[in-house]
PDB file of N, CA and C in Angstrom:
ATOM      1  N   UNK A   1      -0.228   4.813  15.843  1.00  0.00           N
ATOM      2  CA  UNK A   1      -1.124   3.744  15.722  1.00  0.00           C
ATOM      3  C   UNK A   1      -0.382   2.452  15.388  1.00  0.00           C
ATOM      4  N   UNK A   2      -1.081   1.307  15.471  1.00  0.00           N
ATOM      5  CA  UNK A   2      -0.496   0.011  15.041  1.00  0.00           C
ATOM      6  C   UNK A   2      -0.283  -0.036  13.553  1.00  0.00           C
ATOM      7  N   UNK A   3      -0.933   0.811  12.801  1.00  0.00           N
ATOM      8  CA  UNK A   3      -0.701   0.728  11.323  1.00  0.00           C
ATOM      9  C   UNK A   3       0.697   1.101  10.935  1.00  0.00           C
ATOM     10  N   UNK A   4       1.260   1.983  11.698  1.00  0.00           N
ATOM     11  CA  UNK A   4       2.680   2.492  11.340  1.00  0.00           C
ATOM     12  C   UNK A   4       3.676   1.340  11.437  1.00  0.00           C
ATOM     13  N   UNK A   5       3.510   0.473  12.408  1.00  0.00           N
ATOM     14  CA  UNK A   5       4.457  -0.644  12.565  1.00  0.00           C
ATOM     15  C   UNK A   5       4.216  -1.689  11.398  1.00  0.00           C
ATOM     16  N   UNK A   6       2.944  -1.861  11.026  1.00  0.00           N
ATOM     17  CA  UNK A   6       2.623  -2.827   9.999  1.00  0.00           C
ATOM     18  C   UNK A   6       3.093  -2.293   8.648  1.00  0.00           C
ATOM     19  N   UNK A   7       3.000  -1.029   8.384  1.00  0.00           N
ATOM     20  CA  UNK A   7       3.480  -0.483   7.111  1.00  0.00           C
ATOM     21  C   UNK A   7       5.024  -0.553   7.110  1.00  0.00           C
ATOM     22  N   UNK A   8       5.674  -0.304   8.220  1.00  0.00           N
ATOM     23  CA  UNK A   8       7.132  -0.400   8.273  1.00  0.00           C
ATOM     24  C   UNK A   8       7.568  -1.790   7.954  1.00  0.00           C
ATOM     25  N   UNK A   9       6.910  -2.765   8.584  1.00  0.00           N
ATOM     26  CA  UNK A   9       7.311  -4.125   8.298  1.00  0.00           C
ATOM     27  C   UNK A   9       7.076  -4.540   6.901  1.00  0.00           C
ATOM     28  N   UNK A  10       5.991  -4.121   6.303  1.00  0.00           N
ATOM     29  CA  UNK A  10       5.648  -4.485   4.903  1.00  0.00           C
ATOM     30  C   UNK A  10       6.684  -3.751   4.040  1.00  0.00           C
ATOM     31  N   UNK A  11       7.087  -2.540   4.329  1.00  0.00           N
ATOM     32  CA  UNK A  11       8.062  -1.884   3.521  1.00  0.00           C
ATOM     33  C   UNK A  11       9.409  -2.596   3.548  1.00  0.00           C
ATOM     34  N   UNK A  12       9.785  -3.171   4.725  1.00  0.00           N
ATOM     35  CA  UNK A  12      11.002  -3.907   4.788  1.00  0.00           C
ATOM     36  C   UNK A  12      10.887  -5.127   3.934  1.00  0.00           C
ATOM     37  N   UNK A  13       9.758  -5.885   3.969  1.00  0.00           N
ATOM     38  CA  UNK A  13       9.578  -7.014   3.102  1.00  0.00           C
ATOM     39  C   UNK A  13       9.687  -6.662   1.599  1.00  0.00           C
ATOM     40  N   UNK A  14       9.014  -5.589   1.237  1.00  0.00           N
ATOM     41  CA  UNK A  14       9.063  -5.133  -0.161  1.00  0.00           C
ATOM     42  C   UNK A  14      10.504  -4.831  -0.586  1.00  0.00           C
ATOM     43  N   UNK A  15      11.301  -4.152   0.399  1.00  0.00           N
ATOM     44  CA  UNK A  15      12.692  -3.869  -0.041  1.00  0.00           C
ATOM     45  C   UNK A  15      13.583  -5.107  -0.096  1.00  0.00           C
ATOM     46  N   UNK A  16      13.196  -6.124   0.672  1.00  0.00           N
ATOM     47  CA  UNK A  16      13.898  -7.385   0.640  1.00  0.00           C
ATOM     48  C   UNK A  16      13.621  -8.079  -0.662  1.00  0.00           C
ATOM     49  N   UNK A  17      12.372  -7.949  -1.153  1.00  0.00           N
ATOM     50  CA  UNK A  17      11.979  -8.441  -2.436  1.00  0.00           C
ATOM     51  C   UNK A  17      12.669  -7.754  -3.589  1.00  0.00           C
ATOM     52  N   UNK A  18      12.733  -6.481  -3.597  1.00  0.00           N
ATOM     53  CA  UNK A  18      13.384  -5.647  -4.649  1.00  0.00           C
ATOM     54  C   UNK A  18      14.083  -4.445  -3.985  1.00  0.00           C
ATOM     55  N   UNK A  19      15.339  -4.646  -3.853  1.00  0.00           N
ATOM     56  CA  UNK A  19      16.195  -3.563  -3.152  1.00  0.00           C
ATOM     57  C   UNK A  19      16.310  -2.272  -3.982  1.00  0.00           C
ATOM     58  N   UNK A  20      15.798  -2.243  -5.203  1.00  0.00           N
ATOM     59  CA  UNK A  20      15.910  -1.030  -6.043  1.00  0.00           C
ATOM     60  C   UNK A  20      14.664  -0.139  -5.916  1.00  0.00           C
ATOM     61  N   UNK A  21      13.625  -0.642  -5.102  1.00  0.00           N
ATOM     62  CA  UNK A  21      12.451   0.214  -4.919  1.00  0.00           C
ATOM     63  C   UNK A  21      12.782   1.580  -4.294  1.00  0.00           C
ATOM     64  N   UNK A  22      12.241   2.636  -4.911  1.00  0.00           N
ATOM     65  CA  UNK A  22      12.484   3.977  -4.366  1.00  0.00           C
ATOM     66  C   UNK A  22      11.244   4.318  -3.403  1.00  0.00           C
ATOM     67  N   UNK A  23      11.425   5.226  -2.566  1.00  0.00           N
ATOM     68  CA  UNK A  23      10.341   5.557  -1.550  1.00  0.00           C
ATOM     69  C   UNK A  23       9.070   5.924  -2.221  1.00  0.00           C
ATOM     70  N   UNK A  24       9.086   6.671  -3.400  1.00  0.00           N
ATOM     71  CA  UNK A  24       7.869   7.053  -4.078  1.00  0.00           C
ATOM     72  C   UNK A  24       7.190   5.870  -4.630  1.00  0.00           C
ATOM     73  N   UNK A  25       7.921   4.897  -5.141  1.00  0.00           N
ATOM     74  CA  UNK A  25       7.392   3.599  -5.692  1.00  0.00           C
ATOM     75  C   UNK A  25       6.716   2.819  -4.606  1.00  0.00           C
ATOM     76  N   UNK A  26       7.266   2.803  -3.412  1.00  0.00           N
ATOM     77  CA  UNK A  26       6.710   2.017  -2.266  1.00  0.00           C
ATOM     78  C   UNK A  26       5.401   2.716  -1.922  1.00  0.00           C
ATOM     79  N   UNK A  27       5.429   4.022  -1.796  1.00  0.00           N
ATOM     80  CA  UNK A  27       4.205   4.762  -1.452  1.00  0.00           C
ATOM     81  C   UNK A  27       3.055   4.483  -2.538  1.00  0.00           C
ATOM     82  N   UNK A  28       3.456   4.548  -3.743  1.00  0.00           N
ATOM     83  CA  UNK A  28       2.451   4.425  -4.886  1.00  0.00           C
ATOM     84  C   UNK A  28       1.903   2.921  -4.869  1.00  0.00           C
ATOM     85  N   UNK A  29       2.783   1.974  -4.596  1.00  0.00           N
ATOM     86  CA  UNK A  29       2.368   0.569  -4.554  1.00  0.00           C
ATOM     87  C   UNK A  29       1.339   0.368  -3.400  1.00  0.00           C
ATOM     88  N   UNK A  30       1.635   0.922  -2.275  1.00  0.00           N
ATOM     89  CA  UNK A  30       0.873   0.784  -1.087  1.00  0.00           C
ATOM     90  C   UNK A  30      -0.545   1.386  -1.297  1.00  0.00           C
ATOM     91  N   UNK A  31      -0.513   2.564  -1.900  1.00  0.00           N
ATOM     92  CA  UNK A  31      -1.807   3.324  -2.189  1.00  0.00           C
ATOM     93  C   UNK A  31      -2.618   2.637  -3.186  1.00  0.00           C
ATOM     94  N   UNK A  32      -2.013   2.188  -4.236  1.00  0.00           N
ATOM     95  CA  UNK A  32      -2.793   1.645  -5.346  1.00  0.00           C
ATOM     96  C   UNK A  32      -3.324   0.212  -5.107  1.00  0.00           C
ATOM     97  N   UNK A  33      -2.713  -0.464  -4.181  1.00  0.00           N
ATOM     98  CA  UNK A  33      -3.184  -1.847  -3.879  1.00  0.00           C
ATOM     99  C   UNK A  33      -3.961  -1.997  -2.625  1.00  0.00           C
ATOM    100  N   UNK A  34      -4.213  -0.804  -1.972  1.00  0.00           N
ATOM    101  CA  UNK A  34      -5.010  -0.829  -0.681  1.00  0.00           C
ATOM    102  C   UNK A  34      -6.499  -1.149  -0.927  1.00  0.00           C
ATOM    103  N   UNK A  35      -7.108  -1.816   0.000  1.00  0.00           N
ATOM    104  CA  UNK A  35      -8.581  -2.078  -0.094  1.00  0.00           C
ATOM    105  C   UNK A  35      -9.272  -0.815   0.335  1.00  0.00           C
ATOM    106  N   UNK A  36     -10.064  -0.174  -0.462  1.00  0.00           N
ATOM    107  CA  UNK A  36     -10.806   0.987  -0.250  1.00  0.00           C
ATOM    108  C   UNK A  36     -11.726   0.867   0.854  1.00  0.00           C
ATOM    109  N   UNK A  37     -11.884   1.942   1.650  1.00  0.00           N
ATOM    110  CA  UNK A  37     -12.787   2.030   2.836  1.00  0.00           C
ATOM    111  C   UNK A  37     -13.718   3.120   2.677  1.00  0.00           C
ATOM    112  N   UNK A  38     -14.924   2.910   3.125  1.00  0.00           N
ATOM    113  CA  UNK A  38     -15.865   4.036   3.106  1.00  0.00           C
ATOM    114  C   UNK A  38     -15.961   4.696   4.450  1.00  0.00           C
ATOM    115  N   UNK A  39     -15.998   5.987   4.457  1.00  0.00           N
ATOM    116  CA  UNK A  39     -16.148   6.716   5.680  1.00  0.00           C
ATOM    117  C   UNK A  39     -17.627   6.778   6.108  1.00  0.00           C
ATOM    118  N   UNK A  40     -18.028   6.049   7.180  1.00  0.00           N
ATOM    119  CA  UNK A  40     -19.368   5.969   7.557  1.00  0.00           C
ATOM    120  C   UNK A  40     -19.954   7.392   8.022  1.00  0.00           C
ATOM    121  N   UNK A  41     -19.079   8.326   8.277  1.00  0.00           N
ATOM    122  CA  UNK A  41     -19.629   9.632   8.707  1.00  0.00           C
ATOM    123  C   UNK A  41     -20.152  10.467   7.532  1.00  0.00           C
ATOM    124  N   UNK A  42     -19.943  10.053   6.312  1.00  0.00           N
ATOM    125  CA  UNK A  42     -20.429  10.785   5.153  1.00  0.00           C
ATOM    126  C   UNK A  42     -21.663  10.075   4.497  1.00  0.00           C
ATOM    127  N   UNK A  43     -22.545  10.867   3.977  1.00  0.00           N
ATOM    128  CA  UNK A  43     -23.769  10.329   3.340  1.00  0.00           C
ATOM    129  C   UNK A  43     -23.478   9.540   2.125  1.00  0.00           C
ATOM    130  N   UNK A  44     -22.519   9.995   1.374  1.00  0.00           N
ATOM    131  CA  UNK A  44     -22.286   9.302   0.054  1.00  0.00           C
ATOM    132  C   UNK A  44     -21.241   8.178   0.298  1.00  0.00           C
ATOM    133  N   UNK A  45     -21.053   7.243  -0.721  1.00  0.00           N
ATOM    134  CA  UNK A  45     -19.999   6.191  -0.637  1.00  0.00           C
ATOM    135  C   UNK A  45     -18.771   6.855  -1.119  1.00  0.00           C
ATOM    136  N   UNK A  46     -17.738   6.746  -0.257  1.00  0.00           N
ATOM    137  CA  UNK A  46     -16.463   7.342  -0.641  1.00  0.00           C
ATOM    138  C   UNK A  46     -15.625   6.310  -1.416  1.00  0.00           C
ATOM    139  N   UNK A  47     -15.029   6.735  -2.569  1.00  0.00           N
ATOM    140  CA  UNK A  47     -14.219   5.869  -3.317  1.00  0.00           C
ATOM    141  C   UNK A  47     -12.884   6.537  -3.518  1.00  0.00           C
ATOM    142  N   UNK A  48     -11.783   5.774  -3.303  1.00  0.00           N
ATOM    143  CA  UNK A  48     -10.391   6.330  -3.446  1.00  0.00           C
ATOM    144  C   UNK A  48     -10.055   6.998  -2.203  1.00  0.00           C
ATOM    145  N   UNK A  49      -9.044   7.774  -2.305  1.00  0.00           N
ATOM    146  CA  UNK A  49      -8.412   8.507  -1.139  1.00  0.00           C
ATOM    147  C   UNK A  49      -9.346   9.521  -0.589  1.00  0.00           C
ATOM    148  N   UNK A  50      -9.466   9.579   0.762  1.00  0.00           N
ATOM    149  CA  UNK A  50     -10.212  10.600   1.470  1.00  0.00           C
ATOM    150  C   UNK A  50      -9.462  10.891   2.744  1.00  0.00           C
ATOM    151  N   UNK A  51      -9.797  12.052   3.320  1.00  0.00           N
ATOM    152  CA  UNK A  51      -9.013  12.478   4.479  1.00  0.00           C
ATOM    153  C   UNK A  51      -9.317  11.716   5.735  1.00  0.00           C
ATOM    154  N   UNK A  52     -10.379  11.023   5.799  1.00  0.00           N
ATOM    155  CA  UNK A  52     -10.746  10.180   7.015  1.00  0.00           C
ATOM    156  C   UNK A  52     -10.158   8.830   6.959  1.00  0.00           C
ATOM    157  N   UNK A  53     -10.217   8.160   5.855  1.00  0.00           N
ATOM    158  CA  UNK A  53      -9.698   6.740   5.658  1.00  0.00           C
ATOM    159  C   UNK A  53      -8.476   6.573   4.853  1.00  0.00           C
ATOM    160  N   UNK A  54      -7.949   7.688   4.330  1.00  0.00           N
ATOM    161  CA  UNK A  54      -6.722   7.623   3.470  1.00  0.00           C
ATOM    162  C   UNK A  54      -6.966   6.806   2.280  1.00  0.00           C
ATOM    163  N   UNK A  55      -6.086   5.866   1.915  1.00  0.00           N
ATOM    164  CA  UNK A  55      -6.215   5.073   0.766  1.00  0.00           C
ATOM    165  C   UNK A  55      -6.879   3.732   1.136  1.00  0.00           C
ATOM    166  N   UNK A  56      -7.131   3.448   2.380  1.00  0.00           N
ATOM    167  CA  UNK A  56      -7.743   2.286   2.884  1.00  0.00           C
ATOM    168  C   UNK A  56      -6.892   1.312   3.628  1.00  0.00           C
ATOM    169  N   UNK A  57      -7.337   0.086   3.655  1.00  0.00           N
ATOM    170  CA  UNK A  57      -6.560  -0.970   4.368  1.00  0.00           C
ATOM    171  C   UNK A  57      -5.387  -1.429   3.436  1.00  0.00           C
ATOM    172  N   UNK A  58      -4.192  -1.523   3.959  1.00  0.00           N
ATOM    173  CA  UNK A  58      -3.123  -2.099   3.229  1.00  0.00           C
ATOM    174  C   UNK A  58      -3.390  -3.509   2.899  1.00  0.00           C
ATOM    175  N   UNK A  59      -3.000  -3.886   1.729  1.00  0.00           N
ATOM    176  CA  UNK A  59      -3.196  -5.233   1.240  1.00  0.00           C
ATOM    177  C   UNK A  59      -1.940  -5.823   0.767  1.00  0.00           C
ATOM    178  N   UNK A  60      -1.249  -6.492   1.626  1.00  0.00           N
ATOM    179  CA  UNK A  60       0.112  -7.024   1.376  1.00  0.00           C
ATOM    180  C   UNK A  60       0.063  -8.051   0.215  1.00  0.00           C
ATOM    181  N   UNK A  61      -0.965  -8.888   0.214  1.00  0.00           N
ATOM    182  CA  UNK A  61      -1.009  -9.864  -0.870  1.00  0.00           C
ATOM    183  C   UNK A  61      -0.968  -9.208  -2.174  1.00  0.00           C
ATOM    184  N   UNK A  62      -1.877  -8.145  -2.340  1.00  0.00           N
ATOM    185  CA  UNK A  62      -1.904  -7.451  -3.637  1.00  0.00           C
ATOM    186  C   UNK A  62      -0.590  -6.753  -3.968  1.00  0.00           C
ATOM    187  N   UNK A  63       0.086  -6.208  -2.942  1.00  0.00           N
ATOM    188  CA  UNK A  63       1.385  -5.555  -3.083  1.00  0.00           C
ATOM    189  C   UNK A  63       2.324  -6.538  -3.830  1.00  0.00           C
ATOM    190  N   UNK A  64       2.363  -7.737  -3.265  1.00  0.00           N
ATOM    191  CA  UNK A  64       3.400  -8.737  -3.782  1.00  0.00           C
ATOM    192  C   UNK A  64       2.972  -9.273  -5.172  1.00  0.00           C
ATOM    193  N   UNK A  65       1.716  -9.352  -5.360  1.00  0.00           N
ATOM    194  CA  UNK A  65       1.156  -9.824  -6.747  1.00  0.00           C
ATOM    195  C   UNK A  65       1.698  -8.798  -7.675  1.00  0.00           C
ATOM    196  N   UNK A  66       1.587  -7.484  -7.379  1.00  0.00           N
ATOM    197  CA  UNK A  66       2.074  -6.477  -8.324  1.00  0.00           C
ATOM    198  C   UNK A  66       3.569  -6.506  -8.454  1.00  0.00           C
ATOM    199  N   UNK A  67       4.284  -6.626  -7.346  1.00  0.00           N
ATOM    200  CA  UNK A  67       5.736  -6.655  -7.409  1.00  0.00           C
ATOM    201  C   UNK A  67       6.243  -7.933  -8.254  1.00  0.00           C
ATOM    202  N   UNK A  68       5.529  -8.984  -8.063  1.00  0.00           N
ATOM    203  CA  UNK A  68       5.932 -10.231  -8.767  1.00  0.00           C
ATOM    204  C   UNK A  68       5.762 -10.174 -10.339  1.00  0.00           C
ATOM    205  N   UNK A  69       4.905  -9.221 -10.718  1.00  0.00           N
ATOM    206  CA  UNK A  69       4.559  -9.113 -12.041  1.00  0.00           C
ATOM    207  C   UNK A  69       5.513  -8.140 -12.836  1.00  0.00           C
ATOM    208  N   UNK A  70       6.456  -7.583 -12.222  1.00  0.00           N
ATOM    209  CA  UNK A  70       7.322  -6.623 -12.716  1.00  0.00           C
ATOM    210  C   UNK A  70       8.747  -7.094 -12.671  1.00  0.00           C
ATOM    211  N   UNK A  71       9.677  -6.631 -13.624  1.00  0.00           N
ATOM    212  CA  UNK A  71      11.015  -7.072 -13.541  1.00  0.00           C
ATOM    213  C   UNK A  71      11.759  -6.536 -12.229  1.00  0.00           C
ATOM    214  N   UNK A  72      12.545  -7.384 -11.618  1.00  0.00           N
ATOM    215  CA  UNK A  72      13.222  -7.048 -10.413  1.00  0.00           C
ATOM    216  C   UNK A  72      14.686  -6.587 -10.775  1.00  0.00           C
ATOM    217  N   UNK A  73      14.943  -5.378 -10.341  1.00  0.00           N
ATOM    218  CA  UNK A  73      16.236  -4.842 -10.760  1.00  0.00           C
ATOM    219  C   UNK A  73      17.241  -4.878  -9.671  1.00  0.00           C
ATOM    220  N   UNK A  74      16.877  -5.008  -8.384  1.00  0.00           N
ATOM    221  CA  UNK A  74      17.775  -4.879  -7.221  1.00  0.00           C
ATOM    222  C   UNK A  74      18.051  -6.194  -6.604  1.00  0.00           C
ATOM    223  N   UNK A  75      18.044  -7.298  -7.372  1.00  0.00           N
ATOM    224  CA  UNK A  75      18.247  -8.621  -6.750  1.00  0.00           C
ATOM    225  C   UNK A  75      19.702  -8.850  -6.404  1.00  0.00           C
TER     226      UNK A  75
END
């Protein structure tokens, strides 16, 4: 999907911002800052991770807000 190339590009930008980021930290940041999506195929409102929509839409602005608020070690 097109999402893979977007995530790859964002990951590159994240590593350019902080070269010390570890893969698990990148994954956690992407998941925690994503905009939640509801799966319209379910009756209830889905919140958080689900198998249909994952963690939701990636939110690059929120990722960099979070990164900017922490000390950078890999500059």
